[in-house]
Structures are given as structure tokens and as C-alpha cells.
Amino acid sequence: MVEYDPHRWWSYFHYLRGSMVKQIVGRVLLFVLWSAGVVAFSLHVTHVGVPLTVHTLAGMSLSLLLVFRTNASYDRFWEGRKLWGGIVNETRNLARASEVFLGRTPLYAPLVRWTAAFPFAAAAWLRGQRQLGPRVAELPQAFVQEVLSAQHVPLSVARRMTAVLDEGRRSGLYPEYVQMQLDQNVQLLIDYLGGCERIHRTPMPFAYMVHLRRALILYCATLPFSLVDTFGWVTVPATFVVTYVFFGIEEIGVEIEDPFGTDDNDLPLDAICENIQNNLLAFLPAPGTPPHDHSAP
């Protein structure tokens, strides 16, 4: 994600990163060249201009379609952010609540490290990858390969978290109802990941996408014919402006539709995962430091 100050205007005017220019420049230039050819043909060969009325009406309809497309994509983007906010909260809650019962036992460190690995596993899973984050060497190595080779890596990580909680219950550290309360945080992590997978695996309906793009191409391709009589060679820069705006809006919708990737405008999942990891590992005492006595007031 591109970090920026919303109060600044002109300092971002020349930015290419995150501005959709690189993605749409080919399409825009194609239609600009096409408009130049239409103007030259109309002025030097035969008149090909048409009334502007049809394009005015079509432009209004196309604008509404583009607005709906962008709004629908932003809803998916914002829902994804809320789901990851839930992952942040539940990982913190699990580490905080379990510290009371496991903080003075050897079970607490594995639970915290598996919990810190879950966001990395979830982010990688949404990107079609398999990993457990940069601190994988600190995880119990007996289970790392088993988790990475599982059919669903984040789910396998959650199973390890539940197994640690179950071992604490079987060791007599807390009763079954406490285990159920702690495991509720793990269940919510799976729920939030399921919501992310729903967004990731459900693109915008194909019919809407293809109809919008066909309408957009037809509109931009025939636009010079409706402008040439009124604007002459000014049709070329006018076509540039219109195509830049329309293709840019459509491309914004495409980029934020699935916000879990690595595009400039996707969610900063790497930063979120690192933040979770730093928050959770801070619960663990430094090497050589005895655990805190949580029974003290």
C-alpha cells in the first residue's frame, strides 16, 4: 500500500506508483492514436462525424456503471481490512488471556509463536503461497514440515494452537470451560480467514465485467466521431482525457477488488503481520529472563 498525506495535493501529482498510469497507458495511447486517425480521415478524406447526443446519453450510463464497479470493489477492500483488523484483535486477545494460565509454563512460548505465525500463513495462503513467516526457526521444528505440507496451511497452524491449549487442559492448568473460552479466539481467527477467502475466491460476476468493458471500448472507440465536427484536432487531447479518466476508474476497481495481493493499492498485509508478530513476541521474556509471576497483584 502506498502511504500518503491526504492533505497534500501537488506533491503527488507526478506520482506513477499506485496511480494506475502504468496499467492503462497502453489502452489510452491506442485510443489517442485511433482518434488522430479519425480526425485526419474526416478532415482530409470524407466527413465521418456523427451527432453528439448518443454519446452524451451513453456517457451518463457508462459513468453510473463505473461508479457501481468502483463502489463494489471498495466494499470488498474495506471488508477485507475489517477482517484483518479482527485477526489483529483476536491474536492479541489469545496471547493476553492465555498468559494468565500458561505464562509460567513451557507451553506459553509455543502458543504465542504459533499464534504469531498464523497471520503470515493466512496472508501467504491468500496469495497462493505456503510459509509461516520470518521467525519459522523458532517454531517447534517437529511440526513445521507437517504444517507446511498440510492441505490448508493456516488451518493446520490453528490446529497446533488448539493442541497446545488442549495440552494445558490435560496438564491440569485450567478446566475445560477455560479451554473452550481460549479456543474461541482460535475459532474466530478461522472465521476471519474464511471471510478473506470468500472475497478472494469470488470475483465480480463475469457478465458485469465483460459488459462494462465492451461498453467502455465501444464508447471510447466511437467518441472521436462525435467530437470531430465540433473540436477538430482538439478531439485528440479530448479523447485522451476521457479515456484516461474512464480506464483509470475501471482499473482502480480491478486493483482493489482482491485486496490481499502485492499491488500498490492492496492491503499492507506484510506490515500487519509484522506488527502482530512484534506485539505477540513482546509477551515472551527475553532469553535468560525468568517468566513474570502473574500471581502477584
Protein backbone atom coordinates (compact mmCIF):
# COMPACT_ATOMS: atom_id res chain seq x y z
CA MET A 1 0.00 0.00 0.00
CA VAL A 2 1.21 3.50 -0.85
CA GLU A 3 1.45 5.71 2.25
CA TYR A 4 0.43 9.32 1.62
CA ASP A 5 -0.73 12.52 3.27
CA PRO A 6 -4.34 13.28 2.18
CA HIS A 7 -3.79 16.98 2.87
CA ARG A 8 -1.11 17.29 0.19
CA TRP A 9 -2.11 17.80 -3.45
CA TRP A 10 0.57 18.88 -5.87
CA SER A 11 3.38 16.79 -4.37
CA TYR A 12 1.58 13.63 -5.57
CA PHE A 13 0.57 14.95 -8.98
CA HIS A 14 3.60 13.41 -10.71
CA TYR A 15 3.47 10.06 -8.85
CA LEU A 16 3.35 6.97 -11.06
CA ARG A 17 3.34 4.35 -8.29
CA GLY A 18 -0.20 3.42 -7.37
CA SER A 19 -1.76 5.85 -9.87
CA MET A 20 -2.90 3.30 -12.48
CA VAL A 21 -0.93 5.12 -15.21
CA LYS A 22 1.32 2.15 -15.96
CA GLN A 23 -1.65 -0.20 -16.17
CA ILE A 24 -3.74 1.90 -18.58
CA VAL A 25 -1.15 3.77 -20.64
CA GLY A 26 -1.27 1.24 -23.49
CA ARG A 27 -5.04 1.39 -23.82
CA VAL A 28 -5.14 5.18 -23.59
CA LEU A 29 -2.45 5.66 -26.25
CA LEU A 30 -4.20 3.20 -28.55
CA PHE A 31 -7.40 5.24 -28.48
CA VAL A 32 -5.50 8.51 -28.79
CA LEU A 33 -3.85 7.24 -31.97
CA TRP A 34 -7.22 5.99 -33.19
CA SER A 35 -8.75 9.43 -32.59
CA ALA A 36 -5.94 11.08 -34.55
CA GLY A 37 -6.64 8.74 -37.46
CA VAL A 38 -10.38 9.51 -37.33
CA VAL A 39 -9.74 13.27 -37.33
CA ALA A 40 -7.31 13.05 -40.24
CA PHE A 41 -9.70 10.88 -42.23
CA SER A 42 -12.64 13.21 -41.55
CA LEU A 43 -10.73 16.37 -42.47
CA HIS A 44 -8.82 15.13 -45.49
CA VAL A 45 -10.82 12.26 -46.98
CA THR A 46 -14.53 12.32 -46.16
CA HIS A 47 -16.75 13.56 -43.37
CA VAL A 48 -17.40 10.89 -40.71
CA GLY A 49 -18.77 12.98 -37.83
CA VAL A 50 -21.97 11.98 -36.03
CA PRO A 51 -24.27 13.90 -33.65
CA LEU A 52 -23.10 14.15 -30.04
CA THR A 53 -26.46 13.23 -28.49
CA VAL A 54 -25.99 9.46 -28.44
CA HIS A 55 -22.58 9.71 -26.79
CA THR A 56 -23.90 12.11 -24.18
CA LEU A 57 -26.58 9.62 -23.12
CA ALA A 58 -24.21 6.66 -23.34
CA GLY A 59 -21.60 8.51 -21.27
CA MET A 60 -24.08 9.05 -18.44
CA SER A 61 -24.98 5.35 -18.35
CA LEU A 62 -21.34 4.31 -18.55
CA SER A 63 -20.44 6.66 -15.71
CA LEU A 64 -23.05 5.02 -13.48
CA LEU A 65 -21.71 1.56 -14.33
CA LEU A 66 -18.17 2.64 -13.49
CA VAL A 67 -19.25 4.18 -10.19
CA PHE A 68 -21.05 0.99 -9.22
CA ARG A 69 -17.98 -1.05 -10.19
CA THR A 70 -15.65 1.05 -8.07
CA ASN A 71 -18.01 1.15 -5.09
CA ALA A 72 -18.47 -2.62 -5.18
CA SER A 73 -14.70 -3.11 -5.27
CA TYR A 74 -14.14 -0.68 -2.40
CA ASP A 75 -16.72 -2.53 -0.30
CA ARG A 76 -14.63 -5.69 -0.79
CA PHE A 77 -11.44 -3.75 0.06
CA TRP A 78 -12.90 -2.33 3.26
CA GLU A 79 -14.43 -5.64 4.32
CA GLY A 80 -11.01 -7.25 3.85
CA ARG A 81 -9.46 -4.60 6.08
CA LYS A 82 -12.08 -5.18 8.77
CA LEU A 83 -11.44 -8.92 8.65
CA TRP A 84 -7.72 -8.37 9.11
CA GLY A 85 -8.47 -5.98 11.94
CA GLY A 86 -10.32 -8.88 13.56
CA ILE A 87 -7.26 -11.09 13.10
CA VAL A 88 -5.13 -8.45 14.82
CA ASN A 89 -7.52 -8.26 17.77
CA GLU A 90 -8.03 -11.99 18.25
CA THR A 91 -4.32 -12.82 18.16
CA ARG A 92 -3.72 -10.21 20.86
CA ASN A 93 -6.66 -11.48 22.91
CA LEU A 94 -5.44 -15.07 22.76
CA ALA A 95 -1.91 -14.15 23.86
CA ARG A 96 -3.25 -11.89 26.63
CA ALA A 97 -5.83 -14.31 28.03
CA SER A 98 -3.64 -17.43 27.81
CA GLU A 99 -0.76 -15.68 29.61
CA VAL A 100 -2.70 -15.89 32.88
CA PHE A 101 -2.85 -19.70 32.71
CA LEU A 102 0.24 -20.61 30.67
CA GLY A 103 2.63 -17.71 31.21
CA ARG A 104 4.78 -19.60 33.73
CA THR A 105 4.82 -22.88 31.78
CA PRO A 106 6.77 -24.15 28.75
CA LEU A 107 3.51 -24.21 26.77
CA TYR A 108 3.13 -20.44 26.53
CA ALA A 109 6.02 -19.75 24.13
CA PRO A 110 4.89 -22.33 21.53
CA LEU A 111 1.33 -21.00 21.70
CA VAL A 112 2.47 -17.39 21.19
CA ARG A 113 4.79 -18.34 18.32
CA TRP A 114 2.13 -20.38 16.54
CA THR A 115 -0.31 -17.52 17.04
CA ALA A 116 2.23 -15.07 15.59
CA ALA A 117 2.75 -17.42 12.63
CA PHE A 118 -0.98 -17.60 11.82
CA PRO A 119 -1.22 -14.17 10.12
CA PHE A 120 1.80 -14.93 7.94
CA ALA A 121 0.32 -18.30 6.99
CA ALA A 122 -3.05 -16.66 6.23
CA ALA A 123 -1.54 -13.87 4.09
CA ALA A 124 0.63 -16.33 2.17
CA TRP A 125 -2.36 -18.64 1.67
CA LEU A 126 -4.42 -15.82 0.17
CA ARG A 127 -1.52 -15.17 -2.23
CA GLY A 128 -1.17 -18.81 -3.25
CA GLN A 129 1.95 -19.42 -1.17
CA ARG A 130 2.97 -21.55 1.80
CA GLN A 131 5.02 -20.00 4.60
CA LEU A 132 4.99 -19.31 8.32
CA GLY A 133 6.83 -16.01 8.49
CA PRO A 134 10.43 -14.93 9.13
CA ARG A 135 10.61 -16.49 12.62
CA VAL A 136 9.84 -20.01 11.46
CA ALA A 137 13.10 -21.30 13.01
CA GLU A 138 11.68 -20.51 16.46
CA LEU A 139 8.67 -22.78 15.96
CA PRO A 140 8.72 -26.42 17.14
CA GLN A 141 10.50 -27.96 14.18
CA ALA A 142 8.83 -31.32 14.70
CA PHE A 143 5.60 -29.80 13.42
CA VAL A 144 6.78 -27.18 10.91
CA GLN A 145 7.06 -29.51 7.92
CA GLU A 146 3.80 -31.20 8.85
CA VAL A 147 2.06 -27.82 8.85
CA LEU A 148 3.65 -26.63 5.59
CA SER A 149 2.69 -29.85 3.81
CA ALA A 150 -0.91 -29.79 5.06
CA GLN A 151 -3.80 -29.33 2.65
CA HIS A 152 -4.69 -25.97 4.30
CA VAL A 153 -1.69 -24.34 5.98
CA PRO A 154 -3.45 -21.71 8.15
CA LEU A 155 -5.94 -24.31 9.36
CA SER A 156 -3.04 -26.59 10.28
CA VAL A 157 -1.47 -23.73 12.25
CA ALA A 158 -4.76 -23.25 14.09
CA ARG A 159 -4.78 -26.97 14.90
CA ARG A 160 -1.36 -26.60 16.53
CA MET A 161 -2.67 -23.68 18.61
CA THR A 162 -5.65 -25.76 19.72
CA ALA A 163 -3.36 -28.70 20.51
CA VAL A 164 -1.26 -26.51 22.83
CA LEU A 165 -4.41 -25.30 24.59
CA ASP A 166 -5.62 -28.88 24.95
CA GLU A 167 -2.28 -29.94 26.42
CA GLY A 168 -2.63 -27.20 29.01
CA ARG A 169 -6.05 -28.51 29.97
CA ARG A 170 -4.83 -32.10 30.16
CA SER A 171 -1.95 -30.93 32.37
CA GLY A 172 -4.45 -29.55 34.85
CA LEU A 173 -3.59 -25.89 34.33
CA TYR A 174 -7.21 -24.93 33.74
CA PRO A 175 -10.60 -26.63 33.40
CA GLU A 176 -12.37 -27.50 30.19
CA TYR A 177 -14.56 -24.39 30.10
CA VAL A 178 -11.45 -22.16 30.18
CA GLN A 179 -10.02 -24.12 27.26
CA MET A 180 -13.25 -23.54 25.36
CA GLN A 181 -13.07 -19.80 26.04
CA LEU A 182 -9.46 -19.58 24.89
CA ASP A 183 -10.14 -21.71 21.82
CA GLN A 184 -12.94 -19.31 20.88
CA ASN A 185 -10.21 -16.89 19.80
CA VAL A 186 -8.77 -19.56 17.51
CA GLN A 187 -12.22 -20.21 16.07
CA LEU A 188 -12.65 -16.50 15.31
CA LEU A 189 -9.30 -16.46 13.50
CA ILE A 190 -10.58 -19.23 11.23
CA ASP A 191 -13.82 -17.31 10.71
CA TYR A 192 -11.94 -14.16 9.68
CA LEU A 193 -9.73 -16.12 7.31
CA GLY A 194 -12.84 -17.71 5.81
CA GLY A 195 -14.21 -14.24 5.14
CA CYS A 196 -11.00 -13.29 3.36
CA GLU A 197 -11.16 -16.47 1.27
CA ARG A 198 -14.74 -15.62 0.33
CA ILE A 199 -13.59 -12.26 -1.07
CA HIS A 200 -10.52 -13.76 -2.74
CA ARG A 201 -12.36 -16.59 -4.47
CA THR A 202 -15.47 -14.68 -5.54
CA PRO A 203 -14.60 -12.14 -8.24
CA MET A 204 -17.09 -9.71 -9.72
CA PRO A 205 -19.63 -11.55 -11.90
CA PHE A 206 -18.21 -12.24 -15.35
CA ALA A 207 -21.28 -10.88 -17.15
CA TYR A 208 -20.94 -7.50 -15.42
CA MET A 209 -17.21 -7.29 -16.10
CA VAL A 210 -17.41 -8.20 -19.79
CA HIS A 211 -20.42 -5.97 -20.46
CA LEU A 212 -18.77 -2.99 -18.80
CA ARG A 213 -15.55 -3.44 -20.76
CA ARG A 214 -17.36 -3.90 -24.05
CA ALA A 215 -19.36 -0.74 -23.40
CA LEU A 216 -16.21 1.12 -22.42
CA ILE A 217 -14.33 0.07 -25.56
CA LEU A 218 -17.26 0.90 -27.85
CA TYR A 219 -17.74 4.28 -26.22
CA CYS A 220 -14.07 5.27 -26.44
CA ALA A 221 -13.70 3.92 -29.99
CA THR A 222 -16.66 5.91 -31.31
CA LEU A 223 -16.04 9.04 -29.23
CA PRO A 224 -13.85 10.76 -31.88
CA PHE A 225 -16.68 10.51 -34.43
CA SER A 226 -18.95 12.59 -32.17
CA LEU A 227 -16.26 15.18 -31.37
CA VAL A 228 -14.53 15.73 -34.68
CA ASP A 229 -17.09 18.17 -36.13
CA THR A 230 -17.03 20.41 -33.07
CA PHE A 231 -13.42 20.19 -31.94
CA GLY A 232 -11.35 19.22 -34.98
CA TRP A 233 -7.83 18.31 -33.91
CA VAL A 234 -8.72 19.13 -30.30
CA THR A 235 -10.57 15.80 -30.46
CA VAL A 236 -7.23 14.08 -29.84
CA PRO A 237 -6.50 15.62 -26.38
CA ALA A 238 -10.20 15.41 -25.53
CA THR A 239 -10.13 11.67 -26.24
CA PHE A 240 -7.01 11.37 -24.10
CA VAL A 241 -8.74 13.00 -21.13
CA VAL A 242 -11.90 10.91 -21.41
CA THR A 243 -10.13 7.59 -21.91
CA TYR A 244 -7.66 8.33 -19.10
CA VAL A 245 -10.50 9.04 -16.67
CA PHE A 246 -12.71 6.10 -17.70
CA PHE A 247 -9.99 3.45 -17.99
CA GLY A 248 -8.42 4.71 -14.75
CA ILE A 249 -11.67 4.33 -12.81
CA GLU A 250 -12.20 0.83 -14.20
CA GLU A 251 -8.64 -0.20 -13.36
CA ILE A 252 -8.96 1.09 -9.79
CA GLY A 253 -11.91 -1.26 -9.35
CA VAL A 254 -9.85 -4.15 -10.71
CA GLU A 255 -6.90 -3.48 -8.40
CA ILE A 256 -8.82 -3.19 -5.13
CA GLU A 257 -11.32 -5.96 -5.92
CA ASP A 258 -8.99 -8.56 -4.38
CA PRO A 259 -7.04 -6.58 -1.75
CA PHE A 260 -4.83 -9.39 -0.46
CA GLY A 261 -2.12 -9.34 -3.13
CA THR A 262 1.02 -7.25 -3.51
CA ASP A 263 -0.22 -4.46 -5.78
CA ASP A 264 0.44 -0.85 -4.81
CA ASN A 265 -3.14 -0.33 -3.63
CA ASP A 266 -3.65 -3.66 -1.87
CA LEU A 267 -3.82 -4.00 1.90
CA PRO A 268 -0.41 -3.84 3.67
CA LEU A 269 -0.62 -7.42 4.88
CA ASP A 270 3.13 -7.79 5.36
CA ALA A 271 3.20 -4.78 7.69
CA ILE A 272 0.11 -6.03 9.55
CA CYS A 273 1.66 -9.47 10.04
CA GLU A 274 4.94 -7.99 11.29
CA ASN A 275 3.04 -5.76 13.69
CA ILE A 276 1.12 -8.74 15.08
CA GLN A 277 4.34 -10.72 15.44
CA ASN A 278 6.09 -7.89 17.30
CA ASN A 279 3.10 -7.40 19.61
CA LEU A 280 2.87 -11.08 20.50
CA LEU A 281 6.56 -11.85 20.87
CA ALA A 282 6.80 -8.96 23.30
CA PHE A 283 4.77 -11.13 25.70
CA LEU A 284 7.66 -13.59 25.89
CA PRO A 285 10.52 -12.92 28.31
CA ALA A 286 13.94 -12.25 26.85
CA PRO A 287 16.29 -15.29 26.73
CA GLY A 288 17.70 -15.95 30.18
CA THR A 289 14.98 -13.93 31.91
CA PRO A 290 12.69 -15.82 34.29
CA PRO A 291 8.98 -15.63 33.45
CA HIS A 292 6.88 -12.99 35.18
CA ASP A 293 4.97 -14.03 38.27
CA HIS A 294 1.41 -13.34 37.20
CA SER A 295 0.01 -14.28 40.59
CA ALA A 296 1.34 -11.04 42.05
CA PRO A 297 -1.05 -8.06 42.12
